[in-house]
């Protein structure tokens, strides 16, 4: 006997509730939205559409999560259980290879004195 799709709709509703981010993720996304709005304002934009701001904030959150996972990977390669600044810098430097940061491929160069860190310090 058919219930007219009510049961299926109920299952879809509970599955969508499960996929909602937790309170911590909501807080992180809210902070990211503020940061994106401030970056846009500092680069000369006087306003932005809410959907564009939301999309950029989501991209920023995903980037930071990817950065964290990769930094943890570098820490594990080094035999450590938690990452440090060097692991994060190494990942940023790996991401920046396509941009052509000078000295990024030099394994003898100290990461703290790399062009990636200088670029971040300028911001």
Protein backbone atom coordinates (compact mmCIF):
# COMPACT_ATOMS: atom_id res chain seq x y z
CA UNK A 1 0.00 0.00 0.00
CA UNK A 2 1.34 3.41 -0.93
CA UNK A 3 1.55 6.26 1.55
CA UNK A 4 1.79 8.86 -1.19
CA UNK A 5 5.50 9.37 -0.73
CA UNK A 6 5.23 10.56 2.86
CA UNK A 7 7.59 7.92 4.19
CA UNK A 8 10.18 8.62 1.51
CA UNK A 9 9.99 12.36 2.27
CA UNK A 10 10.49 11.63 5.95
CA UNK A 11 13.63 9.61 5.21
CA UNK A 12 14.98 12.38 3.00
CA UNK A 13 14.34 14.91 5.75
CA UNK A 14 16.22 12.89 8.37
CA UNK A 15 19.12 12.28 6.01
CA UNK A 16 19.37 16.00 5.26
CA UNK A 17 19.36 16.72 8.99
CA UNK A 18 22.26 14.30 9.43
CA UNK A 19 24.29 16.11 6.79
CA UNK A 20 23.90 19.50 8.50
CA UNK A 21 27.14 20.78 9.95
CA UNK A 22 27.64 20.85 13.68
CA UNK A 23 27.70 24.00 15.79
CA UNK A 24 31.48 24.25 15.44
CA UNK A 25 31.19 24.10 11.66
CA UNK A 26 28.47 26.77 11.71
CA UNK A 27 30.75 29.00 13.78
CA UNK A 28 33.68 28.40 11.42
CA UNK A 29 31.53 29.18 8.40
CA UNK A 30 30.25 32.38 10.03
CA UNK A 31 33.82 33.50 10.76
CA UNK A 32 34.80 32.64 7.20
CA UNK A 33 31.94 34.75 5.81
CA UNK A 34 33.11 37.73 7.85
CA UNK A 35 36.72 37.22 6.72
CA UNK A 36 35.69 36.96 3.05
CA UNK A 37 33.61 40.15 3.35
CA UNK A 38 36.55 41.98 4.94
CA UNK A 39 38.93 40.74 2.25
CA UNK A 40 36.54 41.90 -0.47
CA UNK A 41 36.20 45.28 1.21
CA UNK A 42 39.96 45.69 1.60
CA UNK A 43 40.50 44.97 -2.10
CA UNK A 44 38.08 47.71 -3.14
CA UNK A 45 34.68 46.02 -3.38
CA UNK A 46 31.88 48.07 -1.88
CA UNK A 47 29.46 45.17 -1.65
CA UNK A 48 28.80 41.64 -2.77
CA UNK A 49 25.88 39.33 -3.29
CA UNK A 50 25.15 37.11 -0.34
CA UNK A 51 25.38 33.99 -2.51
CA UNK A 52 28.83 35.00 -3.78
CA UNK A 53 30.02 35.68 -0.24
CA UNK A 54 28.63 32.32 0.91
CA UNK A 55 30.34 30.50 -1.96
CA UNK A 56 33.70 32.13 -1.27
CA UNK A 57 33.34 31.39 2.45
CA UNK A 58 32.63 27.72 1.68
CA UNK A 59 35.70 27.58 -0.57
CA UNK A 60 37.81 29.13 2.20
CA UNK A 61 36.56 26.58 4.74
CA UNK A 62 37.27 23.69 2.37
CA UNK A 63 40.74 25.07 1.66
CA UNK A 64 41.55 25.34 5.36
CA UNK A 65 40.27 21.80 5.98
CA UNK A 66 42.39 20.51 3.10
CA UNK A 67 45.37 22.40 4.47
CA UNK A 68 44.84 20.82 7.90
CA UNK A 69 44.61 17.30 6.47
CA UNK A 70 47.75 17.76 4.40
CA UNK A 71 49.67 19.27 7.31
CA UNK A 72 48.69 16.24 9.40
CA UNK A 73 49.99 14.04 6.59
CA UNK A 74 53.37 15.81 6.69
CA UNK A 75 53.45 15.44 10.48
CA UNK A 76 52.78 11.71 10.15
CA UNK A 77 55.59 11.43 7.61
CA UNK A 78 57.86 13.05 10.17
CA UNK A 79 56.78 10.58 12.85
CA UNK A 80 54.78 13.14 14.84
CA UNK A 81 51.19 12.91 16.03
CA UNK A 82 50.34 16.59 15.56
CA UNK A 83 51.33 19.13 12.95
CA UNK A 84 53.30 22.32 13.48
CA UNK A 85 53.90 25.52 11.54
CA UNK A 86 56.54 23.89 9.33
CA UNK A 87 54.00 21.31 8.14
CA UNK A 88 51.49 24.03 7.27
CA UNK A 89 54.14 26.08 5.46
CA UNK A 90 55.26 22.99 3.53
CA UNK A 91 51.69 22.40 2.35
CA UNK A 92 51.20 26.04 1.34
CA UNK A 93 54.48 25.88 -0.53
CA UNK A 94 53.34 22.72 -2.33
CA UNK A 95 50.11 24.43 -3.33
CA UNK A 96 52.03 27.46 -4.57
CA UNK A 97 54.38 25.57 -6.89
CA UNK A 98 52.13 26.29 -9.86
CA UNK A 99 52.28 30.00 -9.01
CA UNK A 100 56.05 29.94 -9.18
CA UNK A 101 57.27 31.06 -5.78
CA UNK A 102 61.00 31.57 -6.05
CA UNK A 103 62.96 28.96 -4.13
CA UNK A 104 60.00 26.65 -3.55
CA UNK A 105 61.81 23.64 -4.97
CA UNK A 106 65.05 24.17 -3.03
CA UNK A 107 65.14 21.48 -0.34
CA UNK A 108 68.05 23.16 1.47
CA UNK A 109 66.13 26.40 2.01
CA UNK A 110 64.59 27.04 5.41
CA UNK A 111 60.81 27.07 5.13
CA UNK A 112 60.45 30.08 7.40
CA UNK A 113 62.52 32.21 5.03
CA UNK A 114 60.65 31.05 1.93
CA UNK A 115 58.82 33.41 -0.41
CA UNK A 116 55.52 31.84 0.64
CA UNK A 117 55.98 33.06 4.20
CA UNK A 118 57.08 36.48 2.97
CA UNK A 119 53.92 36.74 0.84
CA UNK A 120 51.76 35.83 3.84
CA UNK A 121 53.58 38.37 6.02
CA UNK A 122 52.89 41.10 3.47
CA UNK A 123 49.16 40.42 3.70
